[in-house]
N, C-alpha and C. Protein backbone atom coordinates (compact mmCIF):
# COMPACT_ATOMS: atom_id res chain seq x y z
N MET A 1 -8.91 -0.93 -10.71
CA MET A 1 -10.27 -0.49 -10.44
C MET A 1 -10.95 -1.41 -9.42
N PHE A 2 -11.83 -0.83 -8.63
CA PHE A 2 -12.60 -1.58 -7.65
C PHE A 2 -14.09 -1.37 -7.93
N THR A 3 -14.92 -2.06 -7.17
CA THR A 3 -16.37 -1.91 -7.37
C THR A 3 -17.09 -1.42 -6.13
N GLY A 4 -16.38 -1.33 -5.00
CA GLY A 4 -17.04 -0.90 -3.77
C GLY A 4 -17.82 -2.00 -3.09
N ILE A 5 -17.61 -3.25 -3.50
CA ILE A 5 -18.22 -4.39 -2.83
C ILE A 5 -17.16 -4.98 -1.90
N VAL A 6 -17.27 -4.69 -0.62
CA VAL A 6 -16.26 -5.10 0.36
C VAL A 6 -16.21 -6.62 0.46
N GLU A 7 -15.01 -7.16 0.35
CA GLU A 7 -14.83 -8.61 0.43
C GLU A 7 -14.64 -9.12 1.85
N GLU A 8 -14.11 -8.22 2.69
CA GLU A 8 -13.69 -8.71 4.00
C GLU A 8 -13.54 -7.57 4.99
N LEU A 9 -13.89 -7.83 6.22
CA LEU A 9 -13.65 -6.89 7.31
C LEU A 9 -12.32 -7.27 7.95
N GLY A 10 -11.27 -6.52 7.61
CA GLY A 10 -9.94 -6.83 8.10
C GLY A 10 -9.60 -6.05 9.36
N GLU A 11 -8.33 -6.13 9.74
CA GLU A 11 -7.90 -5.48 10.98
C GLU A 11 -6.48 -4.96 10.84
N VAL A 12 -6.25 -3.77 11.39
CA VAL A 12 -4.90 -3.22 11.47
C VAL A 12 -4.19 -3.90 12.63
N THR A 13 -3.03 -4.50 12.36
CA THR A 13 -2.29 -5.18 13.43
C THR A 13 -1.09 -4.37 13.92
N ALA A 14 -0.61 -3.44 13.09
CA ALA A 14 0.52 -2.61 13.52
C ALA A 14 0.60 -1.37 12.64
N VAL A 15 1.10 -0.29 13.21
CA VAL A 15 1.32 0.95 12.48
C VAL A 15 2.72 1.45 12.82
N GLU A 16 3.56 1.59 11.81
CA GLU A 16 4.91 2.11 12.01
C GLU A 16 4.97 3.52 11.44
N ASN A 17 5.24 4.48 12.30
CA ASN A 17 5.32 5.88 11.87
C ASN A 17 6.71 6.16 11.31
N LEU A 18 6.76 6.51 10.03
CA LEU A 18 8.01 6.86 9.38
C LEU A 18 8.15 8.38 9.34
N HIS A 19 9.22 8.87 8.75
CA HIS A 19 9.47 10.31 8.76
C HIS A 19 8.36 11.08 8.05
N ASP A 20 7.99 10.65 6.86
CA ASP A 20 6.97 11.35 6.10
C ASP A 20 5.92 10.39 5.56
N ALA A 21 5.73 9.30 6.27
CA ALA A 21 4.77 8.28 5.85
C ALA A 21 4.50 7.35 7.02
N SER A 22 3.64 6.38 6.78
CA SER A 22 3.36 5.34 7.78
C SER A 22 3.31 4.00 7.07
N ARG A 23 3.75 2.96 7.76
CA ARG A 23 3.65 1.60 7.22
C ARG A 23 2.61 0.85 8.05
N PHE A 24 1.57 0.40 7.36
CA PHE A 24 0.49 -0.33 8.01
C PHE A 24 0.67 -1.83 7.80
N ARG A 25 0.40 -2.57 8.84
CA ARG A 25 0.33 -4.02 8.74
C ARG A 25 -1.13 -4.41 8.97
N LEU A 26 -1.69 -5.16 8.04
CA LEU A 26 -3.12 -5.46 8.09
C LEU A 26 -3.36 -6.96 7.92
N ARG A 27 -4.38 -7.44 8.60
CA ARG A 27 -4.75 -8.85 8.48
C ARG A 27 -6.00 -8.98 7.61
N GLY A 28 -5.92 -9.89 6.63
CA GLY A 28 -7.06 -10.13 5.75
C GLY A 28 -6.88 -11.45 5.01
N PRO A 29 -7.37 -12.55 5.56
CA PRO A 29 -7.17 -13.86 4.93
C PRO A 29 -7.72 -13.95 3.51
N VAL A 30 -8.83 -13.27 3.24
CA VAL A 30 -9.43 -13.36 1.92
C VAL A 30 -8.61 -12.60 0.89
N VAL A 31 -8.28 -11.34 1.17
CA VAL A 31 -7.59 -10.52 0.17
C VAL A 31 -6.13 -10.90 -0.01
N THR A 32 -5.53 -11.57 0.97
CA THR A 32 -4.14 -11.99 0.81
C THR A 32 -4.01 -13.32 0.09
N ASP A 33 -5.11 -14.02 -0.10
CA ASP A 33 -5.08 -15.30 -0.80
C ASP A 33 -4.70 -15.07 -2.27
N GLY A 34 -3.52 -15.52 -2.64
CA GLY A 34 -3.04 -15.34 -4.01
C GLY A 34 -2.41 -13.99 -4.29
N ALA A 35 -2.36 -13.12 -3.29
CA ALA A 35 -1.77 -11.80 -3.49
C ALA A 35 -0.26 -11.89 -3.56
N LYS A 36 0.36 -10.88 -4.16
CA LYS A 36 1.82 -10.84 -4.26
C LYS A 36 2.29 -9.40 -4.14
N HIS A 37 3.59 -9.26 -3.97
CA HIS A 37 4.18 -7.92 -3.87
C HIS A 37 3.80 -7.07 -5.08
N GLY A 38 3.37 -5.84 -4.82
CA GLY A 38 3.01 -4.92 -5.89
C GLY A 38 1.54 -4.92 -6.24
N ASP A 39 0.77 -5.88 -5.71
CA ASP A 39 -0.67 -5.89 -5.97
C ASP A 39 -1.35 -4.74 -5.24
N SER A 40 -2.55 -4.40 -5.70
CA SER A 40 -3.33 -3.35 -5.07
C SER A 40 -4.43 -3.95 -4.20
N ILE A 41 -4.67 -3.34 -3.06
CA ILE A 41 -5.78 -3.70 -2.18
C ILE A 41 -6.37 -2.41 -1.65
N ALA A 42 -7.68 -2.28 -1.73
CA ALA A 42 -8.35 -1.09 -1.20
C ALA A 42 -8.59 -1.26 0.29
N VAL A 43 -8.15 -0.28 1.05
CA VAL A 43 -8.31 -0.28 2.51
C VAL A 43 -9.18 0.92 2.88
N ASN A 44 -10.39 0.67 3.32
CA ASN A 44 -11.36 1.74 3.58
C ASN A 44 -11.48 2.68 2.38
N GLY A 45 -11.44 2.07 1.19
CA GLY A 45 -11.62 2.84 -0.03
C GLY A 45 -10.38 3.49 -0.59
N VAL A 46 -9.23 3.27 0.04
CA VAL A 46 -7.97 3.84 -0.43
C VAL A 46 -7.14 2.74 -1.09
N CYS A 47 -6.78 2.93 -2.34
CA CYS A 47 -5.97 1.95 -3.06
C CYS A 47 -4.54 1.98 -2.54
N LEU A 48 -4.10 0.86 -1.94
CA LEU A 48 -2.74 0.75 -1.42
C LEU A 48 -2.00 -0.38 -2.12
N THR A 49 -0.68 -0.29 -2.13
CA THR A 49 0.16 -1.29 -2.78
C THR A 49 0.76 -2.23 -1.75
N VAL A 50 0.64 -3.52 -2.01
CA VAL A 50 1.20 -4.53 -1.10
C VAL A 50 2.72 -4.47 -1.15
N VAL A 51 3.34 -4.30 0.02
CA VAL A 51 4.81 -4.27 0.11
C VAL A 51 5.34 -5.64 0.48
N THR A 52 4.81 -6.22 1.56
CA THR A 52 5.23 -7.55 1.99
C THR A 52 4.01 -8.39 2.35
N LEU A 53 4.17 -9.70 2.30
CA LEU A 53 3.12 -10.65 2.67
C LEU A 53 3.68 -11.63 3.68
N ASP A 54 2.88 -11.93 4.69
CA ASP A 54 3.28 -12.89 5.71
C ASP A 54 2.03 -13.62 6.18
N GLY A 55 1.78 -14.78 5.58
CA GLY A 55 0.56 -15.52 5.93
C GLY A 55 -0.67 -14.75 5.49
N ASP A 56 -1.55 -14.45 6.45
CA ASP A 56 -2.77 -13.71 6.12
C ASP A 56 -2.64 -12.22 6.41
N GLU A 57 -1.39 -11.73 6.52
CA GLU A 57 -1.16 -10.32 6.76
C GLU A 57 -0.32 -9.71 5.63
N PHE A 58 -0.52 -8.42 5.41
CA PHE A 58 0.29 -7.71 4.42
C PHE A 58 0.62 -6.33 4.96
N THR A 59 1.66 -5.72 4.41
CA THR A 59 2.02 -4.36 4.78
C THR A 59 1.86 -3.46 3.58
N ALA A 60 1.60 -2.20 3.86
CA ALA A 60 1.44 -1.19 2.81
C ALA A 60 1.95 0.14 3.34
N ASP A 61 2.67 0.86 2.50
CA ASP A 61 3.17 2.18 2.87
C ASP A 61 2.16 3.24 2.45
N VAL A 62 1.91 4.19 3.35
CA VAL A 62 0.94 5.25 3.10
C VAL A 62 1.66 6.60 3.22
N MET A 63 1.70 7.33 2.11
CA MET A 63 2.41 8.61 2.08
C MET A 63 1.63 9.69 2.83
N ALA A 64 2.34 10.77 3.15
CA ALA A 64 1.74 11.87 3.92
C ALA A 64 0.52 12.45 3.22
N GLU A 65 0.56 12.56 1.87
CA GLU A 65 -0.57 13.09 1.12
C GLU A 65 -1.82 12.27 1.37
N THR A 66 -1.68 10.94 1.36
CA THR A 66 -2.83 10.06 1.60
C THR A 66 -3.30 10.15 3.04
N LEU A 67 -2.38 10.25 3.96
CA LEU A 67 -2.75 10.38 5.38
C LEU A 67 -3.51 11.68 5.62
N ASP A 68 -3.11 12.74 4.91
CA ASP A 68 -3.76 14.04 5.09
C ASP A 68 -5.14 14.09 4.45
N ARG A 69 -5.33 13.37 3.35
CA ARG A 69 -6.58 13.48 2.60
C ARG A 69 -7.56 12.35 2.86
N SER A 70 -7.21 11.45 3.75
CA SER A 70 -8.11 10.34 4.06
C SER A 70 -8.15 10.13 5.57
N GLY A 71 -8.96 9.16 5.99
CA GLY A 71 -9.05 8.86 7.41
C GLY A 71 -8.07 7.80 7.86
N LEU A 72 -7.15 7.39 6.99
CA LEU A 72 -6.21 6.33 7.37
C LEU A 72 -5.29 6.76 8.51
N GLY A 73 -5.04 8.06 8.61
CA GLY A 73 -4.16 8.53 9.67
C GLY A 73 -4.71 8.31 11.07
N ALA A 74 -6.02 8.06 11.17
CA ALA A 74 -6.64 7.84 12.47
C ALA A 74 -6.65 6.37 12.88
N LEU A 75 -6.19 5.50 11.98
CA LEU A 75 -6.20 4.07 12.29
C LEU A 75 -5.11 3.71 13.29
N VAL A 76 -5.43 2.78 14.17
CA VAL A 76 -4.49 2.28 15.17
C VAL A 76 -4.59 0.77 15.20
N PRO A 77 -3.61 0.09 15.80
CA PRO A 77 -3.72 -1.37 15.93
C PRO A 77 -5.05 -1.76 16.56
N GLY A 78 -5.73 -2.68 15.93
CA GLY A 78 -7.05 -3.10 16.41
C GLY A 78 -8.19 -2.51 15.62
N SER A 79 -7.91 -1.44 14.83
CA SER A 79 -8.97 -0.83 14.02
C SER A 79 -9.44 -1.80 12.94
N LYS A 80 -10.75 -1.85 12.74
CA LYS A 80 -11.32 -2.66 11.67
C LYS A 80 -11.31 -1.85 10.38
N VAL A 81 -11.09 -2.54 9.26
CA VAL A 81 -11.02 -1.86 7.96
C VAL A 81 -11.74 -2.69 6.90
N ASN A 82 -12.31 -1.98 5.92
CA ASN A 82 -12.93 -2.64 4.77
C ASN A 82 -11.86 -2.95 3.73
N LEU A 83 -11.84 -4.20 3.27
CA LEU A 83 -10.82 -4.62 2.31
C LEU A 83 -11.46 -5.14 1.03
N GLU A 84 -10.85 -4.79 -0.09
CA GLU A 84 -11.33 -5.26 -1.39
C GLU A 84 -10.16 -5.36 -2.36
N ARG A 85 -10.11 -6.47 -3.09
CA ARG A 85 -9.14 -6.62 -4.16
C ARG A 85 -9.67 -5.97 -5.44
N PRO A 86 -8.78 -5.62 -6.38
CA PRO A 86 -9.26 -5.06 -7.66
C PRO A 86 -10.17 -6.04 -8.37
N THR A 87 -11.11 -5.51 -9.12
CA THR A 87 -12.02 -6.38 -9.86
C THR A 87 -11.29 -6.96 -11.07
N ALA A 88 -11.59 -8.21 -11.37
CA ALA A 88 -10.96 -8.88 -12.51
C ALA A 88 -11.68 -8.48 -13.80
N VAL A 89 -10.93 -8.42 -14.89
CA VAL A 89 -11.52 -8.11 -16.20
C VAL A 89 -12.55 -9.20 -16.54
N GLY A 90 -13.73 -8.78 -16.90
CA GLY A 90 -14.78 -9.73 -17.24
C GLY A 90 -15.67 -10.10 -16.07
N ALA A 91 -15.29 -9.64 -14.85
CA ALA A 91 -16.11 -9.95 -13.68
C ALA A 91 -17.34 -9.05 -13.65
N ARG A 92 -18.35 -9.45 -12.88
CA ARG A 92 -19.55 -8.63 -12.74
C ARG A 92 -19.23 -7.37 -11.95
N LEU A 93 -19.78 -6.25 -12.38
CA LEU A 93 -19.58 -4.98 -11.69
C LEU A 93 -20.73 -4.81 -10.69
N GLY A 94 -20.55 -5.35 -9.50
CA GLY A 94 -21.64 -5.37 -8.53
C GLY A 94 -21.97 -4.02 -7.94
N GLY A 95 -20.98 -3.12 -7.84
CA GLY A 95 -21.23 -1.79 -7.28
C GLY A 95 -21.18 -0.75 -8.38
N HIS A 96 -20.13 0.09 -8.39
CA HIS A 96 -19.89 1.02 -9.48
C HIS A 96 -18.39 1.18 -9.64
N ILE A 97 -17.96 1.93 -10.63
CA ILE A 97 -16.52 2.08 -10.87
C ILE A 97 -15.89 2.91 -9.75
N VAL A 98 -14.97 2.28 -9.03
CA VAL A 98 -14.30 2.92 -7.90
C VAL A 98 -12.79 2.89 -8.16
N GLN A 99 -12.13 4.03 -8.07
CA GLN A 99 -10.70 4.10 -8.33
C GLN A 99 -9.84 3.83 -7.10
N GLY A 100 -10.40 4.07 -5.92
CA GLY A 100 -9.58 3.97 -4.72
C GLY A 100 -8.80 5.25 -4.47
N HIS A 101 -9.25 6.34 -5.09
CA HIS A 101 -8.63 7.66 -4.91
C HIS A 101 -9.61 8.54 -4.13
N VAL A 102 -9.36 8.71 -2.86
CA VAL A 102 -10.28 9.43 -1.99
C VAL A 102 -10.31 10.91 -2.34
N ASP A 103 -11.53 11.45 -2.47
CA ASP A 103 -11.70 12.87 -2.80
C ASP A 103 -11.73 13.75 -1.56
N GLY A 104 -12.00 13.17 -0.42
CA GLY A 104 -12.06 13.93 0.82
C GLY A 104 -12.67 13.09 1.92
N THR A 105 -12.71 13.66 3.11
CA THR A 105 -13.30 12.95 4.24
C THR A 105 -14.55 13.69 4.71
N GLY A 106 -15.59 12.91 4.98
CA GLY A 106 -16.80 13.45 5.56
C GLY A 106 -16.90 12.99 7.01
N THR A 107 -17.99 13.38 7.65
CA THR A 107 -18.23 12.98 9.03
C THR A 107 -19.62 12.39 9.14
N MET A 108 -19.72 11.26 9.83
CA MET A 108 -21.03 10.70 10.06
C MET A 108 -21.78 11.63 11.02
N VAL A 109 -22.88 12.17 10.54
CA VAL A 109 -23.63 13.16 11.31
C VAL A 109 -24.70 12.51 12.17
N ASP A 110 -25.40 11.53 11.60
CA ASP A 110 -26.53 10.93 12.32
C ASP A 110 -26.84 9.58 11.72
N ARG A 111 -27.42 8.69 12.52
CA ARG A 111 -27.90 7.41 12.01
C ARG A 111 -29.20 7.06 12.71
N LYS A 112 -30.18 6.67 11.91
CA LYS A 112 -31.49 6.34 12.44
C LYS A 112 -31.84 4.91 12.08
N ALA A 113 -32.09 4.11 13.10
CA ALA A 113 -32.38 2.70 12.89
C ALA A 113 -33.84 2.49 12.53
N SER A 114 -34.08 1.61 11.57
CA SER A 114 -35.41 1.17 11.21
C SER A 114 -35.48 -0.32 11.50
N GLU A 115 -36.58 -0.94 11.13
CA GLU A 115 -36.73 -2.37 11.44
C GLU A 115 -35.73 -3.22 10.66
N ASN A 116 -35.49 -2.87 9.40
CA ASN A 116 -34.64 -3.69 8.55
C ASN A 116 -33.45 -2.96 7.95
N TRP A 117 -33.27 -1.71 8.24
CA TRP A 117 -32.14 -0.97 7.71
C TRP A 117 -31.89 0.27 8.56
N GLU A 118 -30.84 1.00 8.24
CA GLU A 118 -30.53 2.26 8.92
C GLU A 118 -30.34 3.36 7.88
N ILE A 119 -30.80 4.54 8.21
CA ILE A 119 -30.55 5.72 7.39
C ILE A 119 -29.39 6.48 8.03
N VAL A 120 -28.36 6.71 7.25
CA VAL A 120 -27.16 7.38 7.76
C VAL A 120 -26.95 8.69 7.01
N LYS A 121 -26.68 9.75 7.77
CA LYS A 121 -26.41 11.07 7.20
C LYS A 121 -24.92 11.36 7.33
N VAL A 122 -24.32 11.79 6.23
CA VAL A 122 -22.88 12.06 6.20
C VAL A 122 -22.65 13.48 5.67
N SER A 123 -21.75 14.22 6.30
CA SER A 123 -21.43 15.56 5.83
C SER A 123 -20.51 15.48 4.62
N LEU A 124 -20.59 16.50 3.77
CA LEU A 124 -19.75 16.58 2.57
C LEU A 124 -18.77 17.73 2.71
N PRO A 125 -17.48 17.49 2.45
CA PRO A 125 -16.54 18.61 2.45
C PRO A 125 -16.82 19.53 1.28
N GLY A 126 -16.38 20.76 1.39
CA GLY A 126 -16.64 21.76 0.37
C GLY A 126 -16.20 21.32 -1.02
N GLY A 127 -17.03 21.58 -2.00
CA GLY A 127 -16.69 21.29 -3.38
C GLY A 127 -17.15 19.94 -3.90
N LEU A 128 -17.57 19.05 -3.02
CA LEU A 128 -17.97 17.72 -3.47
C LEU A 128 -19.47 17.59 -3.68
N GLY A 129 -20.24 18.53 -3.13
CA GLY A 129 -21.69 18.43 -3.22
C GLY A 129 -22.21 18.38 -4.65
N ARG A 130 -21.51 19.04 -5.58
CA ARG A 130 -22.00 19.10 -6.96
C ARG A 130 -21.89 17.75 -7.67
N TYR A 131 -21.11 16.82 -7.11
CA TYR A 131 -20.96 15.50 -7.72
C TYR A 131 -21.93 14.46 -7.16
N VAL A 132 -22.70 14.84 -6.16
CA VAL A 132 -23.57 13.87 -5.47
C VAL A 132 -25.01 14.16 -5.81
N VAL A 133 -25.70 13.17 -6.36
CA VAL A 133 -27.09 13.35 -6.77
C VAL A 133 -27.95 12.23 -6.20
N GLU A 134 -29.23 12.53 -6.03
CA GLU A 134 -30.17 11.53 -5.55
C GLU A 134 -30.18 10.32 -6.48
N LYS A 135 -30.10 9.14 -5.90
CA LYS A 135 -30.05 7.85 -6.59
C LYS A 135 -28.74 7.63 -7.35
N GLY A 136 -27.77 8.51 -7.14
CA GLY A 136 -26.45 8.30 -7.73
C GLY A 136 -25.61 7.42 -6.82
N SER A 137 -24.37 7.21 -7.21
CA SER A 137 -23.47 6.35 -6.43
C SER A 137 -22.41 7.17 -5.72
N ILE A 138 -22.01 6.70 -4.55
CA ILE A 138 -20.90 7.29 -3.81
C ILE A 138 -20.23 6.18 -3.01
N THR A 139 -18.93 6.34 -2.81
CA THR A 139 -18.18 5.35 -2.04
C THR A 139 -17.87 5.91 -0.66
N VAL A 140 -18.27 5.20 0.37
CA VAL A 140 -18.05 5.61 1.76
C VAL A 140 -17.19 4.55 2.44
N ASP A 141 -15.97 4.92 2.81
CA ASP A 141 -15.02 3.96 3.38
C ASP A 141 -14.90 2.70 2.53
N GLY A 142 -14.93 2.91 1.21
CA GLY A 142 -14.75 1.79 0.30
C GLY A 142 -16.00 1.02 -0.02
N VAL A 143 -17.14 1.45 0.49
CA VAL A 143 -18.40 0.75 0.26
C VAL A 143 -19.23 1.51 -0.78
N SER A 144 -19.60 0.83 -1.85
CA SER A 144 -20.45 1.44 -2.88
C SER A 144 -21.87 1.55 -2.36
N LEU A 145 -22.40 2.78 -2.32
CA LEU A 145 -23.74 3.02 -1.79
C LEU A 145 -24.54 3.90 -2.74
N THR A 146 -25.85 3.79 -2.64
CA THR A 146 -26.76 4.62 -3.42
C THR A 146 -27.25 5.78 -2.57
N VAL A 147 -27.15 6.98 -3.11
CA VAL A 147 -27.56 8.18 -2.39
C VAL A 147 -29.09 8.23 -2.30
N VAL A 148 -29.60 8.42 -1.10
CA VAL A 148 -31.04 8.56 -0.88
C VAL A 148 -31.45 10.02 -1.03
N ASP A 149 -30.75 10.89 -0.34
CA ASP A 149 -31.05 12.33 -0.36
C ASP A 149 -29.73 13.08 -0.48
N ALA A 150 -29.70 14.10 -1.31
CA ALA A 150 -28.47 14.87 -1.53
C ALA A 150 -28.71 16.34 -1.24
N GLY A 151 -27.97 16.88 -0.27
CA GLY A 151 -28.04 18.29 0.05
C GLY A 151 -26.76 18.98 -0.37
N PRO A 152 -26.65 20.29 -0.18
CA PRO A 152 -25.43 21.01 -0.60
C PRO A 152 -24.19 20.60 0.19
N ASP A 153 -24.38 20.17 1.43
CA ASP A 153 -23.23 19.81 2.25
C ASP A 153 -23.43 18.50 3.01
N TYR A 154 -24.35 17.67 2.52
CA TYR A 154 -24.58 16.37 3.16
C TYR A 154 -25.26 15.44 2.17
N PHE A 155 -25.30 14.16 2.53
CA PHE A 155 -26.09 13.19 1.80
C PHE A 155 -26.51 12.10 2.78
N THR A 156 -27.53 11.34 2.41
CA THR A 156 -27.95 10.21 3.23
C THR A 156 -27.92 8.94 2.39
N VAL A 157 -27.70 7.82 3.08
CA VAL A 157 -27.71 6.51 2.43
C VAL A 157 -28.45 5.54 3.34
N SER A 158 -28.97 4.47 2.76
CA SER A 158 -29.61 3.40 3.53
C SER A 158 -28.64 2.23 3.62
N LEU A 159 -28.49 1.70 4.81
CA LEU A 159 -27.60 0.56 5.03
C LEU A 159 -28.41 -0.68 5.37
N ILE A 160 -28.29 -1.71 4.54
CA ILE A 160 -29.01 -2.96 4.78
C ILE A 160 -28.25 -3.78 5.82
N PRO A 161 -28.89 -4.79 6.39
CA PRO A 161 -28.23 -5.61 7.43
C PRO A 161 -26.89 -6.18 6.99
N THR A 162 -26.76 -6.60 5.73
CA THR A 162 -25.50 -7.17 5.26
C THR A 162 -24.38 -6.14 5.35
N THR A 163 -24.65 -4.92 4.92
CA THR A 163 -23.65 -3.86 4.99
C THR A 163 -23.30 -3.53 6.43
N LEU A 164 -24.29 -3.51 7.30
CA LEU A 164 -24.05 -3.22 8.71
C LEU A 164 -23.19 -4.29 9.36
N ALA A 165 -23.40 -5.54 8.95
CA ALA A 165 -22.69 -6.65 9.59
C ALA A 165 -21.30 -6.88 9.03
N LEU A 166 -21.10 -6.61 7.75
CA LEU A 166 -19.86 -7.01 7.09
C LEU A 166 -18.90 -5.86 6.78
N THR A 167 -19.24 -4.63 7.17
CA THR A 167 -18.34 -3.50 6.93
C THR A 167 -18.20 -2.65 8.19
N THR A 168 -17.28 -1.71 8.14
CA THR A 168 -17.06 -0.83 9.28
C THR A 168 -18.22 0.13 9.51
N LEU A 169 -19.08 0.29 8.50
CA LEU A 169 -20.19 1.23 8.64
C LEU A 169 -21.18 0.80 9.70
N GLY A 170 -21.17 -0.46 10.07
CA GLY A 170 -22.06 -0.94 11.12
C GLY A 170 -21.69 -0.41 12.49
N SER A 171 -20.44 -0.01 12.67
CA SER A 171 -19.99 0.45 13.99
C SER A 171 -19.62 1.92 14.03
N LYS A 172 -19.67 2.60 12.89
CA LYS A 172 -19.35 4.03 12.88
C LYS A 172 -20.40 4.81 13.67
N GLN A 173 -19.94 5.81 14.40
CA GLN A 173 -20.83 6.62 15.23
C GLN A 173 -20.77 8.08 14.80
N PRO A 174 -21.81 8.87 15.12
CA PRO A 174 -21.77 10.30 14.80
C PRO A 174 -20.48 10.94 15.29
N GLY A 175 -19.85 11.68 14.40
CA GLY A 175 -18.57 12.30 14.71
C GLY A 175 -17.39 11.57 14.11
N ASP A 176 -17.60 10.31 13.71
CA ASP A 176 -16.51 9.53 13.11
C ASP A 176 -16.26 9.97 11.67
N PRO A 177 -14.99 10.04 11.24
CA PRO A 177 -14.68 10.41 9.85
C PRO A 177 -14.87 9.22 8.92
N VAL A 178 -15.20 9.51 7.66
CA VAL A 178 -15.31 8.47 6.64
C VAL A 178 -14.66 8.97 5.36
N ASN A 179 -14.04 8.06 4.62
CA ASN A 179 -13.43 8.41 3.34
C ASN A 179 -14.51 8.44 2.26
N LEU A 180 -14.45 9.46 1.42
CA LEU A 180 -15.45 9.62 0.37
C LEU A 180 -14.78 9.66 -1.01
N GLU A 181 -15.36 8.92 -1.94
CA GLU A 181 -14.96 9.02 -3.34
C GLU A 181 -16.23 9.18 -4.16
N VAL A 182 -16.33 10.30 -4.86
CA VAL A 182 -17.52 10.55 -5.68
C VAL A 182 -17.40 9.79 -6.99
N ASP A 183 -18.48 9.76 -7.74
CA ASP A 183 -18.53 9.03 -9.00
C ASP A 183 -17.58 9.68 -10.01
N ILE A 184 -16.61 8.92 -10.52
CA ILE A 184 -15.62 9.44 -11.46
C ILE A 184 -16.29 9.96 -12.73
N VAL A 185 -17.41 9.36 -13.13
CA VAL A 185 -18.10 9.80 -14.34
C VAL A 185 -18.52 11.27 -14.21
N ALA A 186 -19.01 11.65 -13.02
CA ALA A 186 -19.45 13.03 -12.80
C ALA A 186 -18.29 14.00 -12.96
N LYS A 187 -17.11 13.62 -12.51
CA LYS A 187 -15.96 14.51 -12.62
C LYS A 187 -15.50 14.68 -14.07
N TYR A 188 -15.55 13.59 -14.81
CA TYR A 188 -15.17 13.67 -16.23
C TYR A 188 -16.16 14.53 -17.01
N VAL A 189 -17.44 14.35 -16.73
CA VAL A 189 -18.46 15.14 -17.43
C VAL A 189 -18.26 16.63 -17.15
N GLU A 190 -18.01 16.97 -15.89
CA GLU A 190 -17.79 18.37 -15.53
C GLU A 190 -16.58 18.94 -16.27
N ARG A 191 -15.50 18.16 -16.33
CA ARG A 191 -14.28 18.64 -17.00
C ARG A 191 -14.52 18.84 -18.49
N LEU A 192 -15.21 17.89 -19.11
CA LEU A 192 -15.47 17.99 -20.54
C LEU A 192 -16.39 19.17 -20.87
N LEU A 193 -17.43 19.36 -20.07
CA LEU A 193 -18.35 20.46 -20.32
C LEU A 193 -17.67 21.80 -20.07
N GLY A 194 -16.79 21.84 -19.07
CA GLY A 194 -16.06 23.07 -18.79
C GLY A 194 -15.12 23.43 -19.93
N ALA A 195 -14.43 22.42 -20.47
CA ALA A 195 -13.52 22.66 -21.59
C ALA A 195 -14.30 23.11 -22.82
N ARG A 196 -15.47 22.55 -23.01
CA ARG A 196 -16.29 22.93 -24.16
C ARG A 196 -16.76 24.38 -24.04
N ALA A 197 -17.13 24.78 -22.81
CA ALA A 197 -17.61 26.15 -22.61
C ALA A 197 -16.50 27.17 -22.80
N GLU A 198 -15.24 26.76 -22.47
CA GLU A 198 -14.13 27.69 -22.58
C GLU A 198 -13.54 27.76 -23.98
N ALA A 199 -13.85 26.76 -24.83
CA ALA A 199 -13.26 26.71 -26.17
C ALA A 199 -13.83 27.84 -27.03
N PRO A 200 -12.99 28.49 -27.86
CA PRO A 200 -13.49 29.55 -28.75
C PRO A 200 -14.45 28.98 -29.78
N ALA A 201 -15.45 29.75 -30.11
CA ALA A 201 -16.45 29.29 -31.09
C ALA A 201 -15.81 29.15 -32.45
N GLU A 202 -16.11 28.04 -33.13
CA GLU A 202 -15.55 27.81 -34.46
C GLU A 202 -16.47 28.41 -35.52
N ALA A 203 -15.89 29.02 -36.52
CA ALA A 203 -16.69 29.60 -37.61
C ALA A 203 -17.29 28.48 -38.43
N PRO A 204 -18.51 28.61 -38.89
CA PRO A 204 -19.13 27.59 -39.72
C PRO A 204 -18.31 27.32 -40.96
N ALA A 205 -18.31 26.07 -41.40
CA ALA A 205 -17.56 25.70 -42.59
C ALA A 205 -17.97 26.57 -43.78
N GLY A 206 -16.97 27.11 -44.48
CA GLY A 206 -17.25 27.92 -45.67
C GLY A 206 -17.54 29.37 -45.38
N SER A 207 -17.56 29.76 -44.11
CA SER A 207 -17.93 31.13 -43.78
C SER A 207 -16.90 32.14 -44.26
N ALA A 208 -15.61 31.71 -44.24
CA ALA A 208 -14.57 32.65 -44.68
C ALA A 208 -14.72 32.97 -46.17
N ALA A 209 -15.02 31.95 -46.95
CA ALA A 209 -15.18 32.17 -48.40
C ALA A 209 -16.36 33.07 -48.68
N VAL A 210 -17.45 32.86 -47.95
CA VAL A 210 -18.63 33.69 -48.13
C VAL A 210 -18.33 35.14 -47.81
N ALA A 211 -17.59 35.32 -46.70
CA ALA A 211 -17.23 36.70 -46.31
C ALA A 211 -16.37 37.34 -47.38
N GLY A 212 -15.44 36.55 -47.96
CA GLY A 212 -14.58 37.09 -49.00
C GLY A 212 -15.38 37.52 -50.22
N GLU A 213 -16.33 36.71 -50.60
CA GLU A 213 -17.14 37.02 -51.75
C GLU A 213 -17.94 38.32 -51.50
N ALA A 214 -18.45 38.44 -50.26
CA ALA A 214 -19.26 39.62 -49.96
C ALA A 214 -18.44 40.88 -49.99
N GLY A 215 -17.11 40.74 -49.75
CA GLY A 215 -16.27 41.94 -49.71
C GLY A 215 -15.82 42.40 -51.07
N ARG A 216 -16.11 41.66 -52.10
CA ARG A 216 -15.66 42.06 -53.43
C ARG A 216 -16.50 43.20 -53.99
């Protein structure tokens, strides 16, 4: 699990295109400190597994499914990426619960600068709008953000100077894709309520006996 609090602005140093996957080589001195083979690192909000380590760089294999459902396929050597290690048990949850499982990609539609922050509008792919609510949480390229305004096919967020300076969101421009992960709690609630609505109604306790007595 992650929290959406980016630890480091890393960089893609190489991309090897395989038959049905890609192998990324990424630089991140902070996230590689103490890392080992098999560890998880979130890259722009996508949970990837460390394959090899070499100094402050690591490699990770990205399957076709992930490339198709996220913006990782657009990364090239030199691309900046948001990096985060999994949260430790007992650590403070600074953002919200983030799985690193991208639900879809949106597009940065507009950004408006203010004196101390920026308002950014992002499009929502079909089917995700029902999980996004005003003042709720959403993960954008691995960054935990609070929704300012939620529409049927878009949402807006406010970006403070720290977020602009320390993540890729500071340089994203209208038209650029972003990875989106909605709040997992919303998805579980929807599933549970749906299952409850579809379940057959249970007869009240003792109703069968009462009916039997009435039929005598």
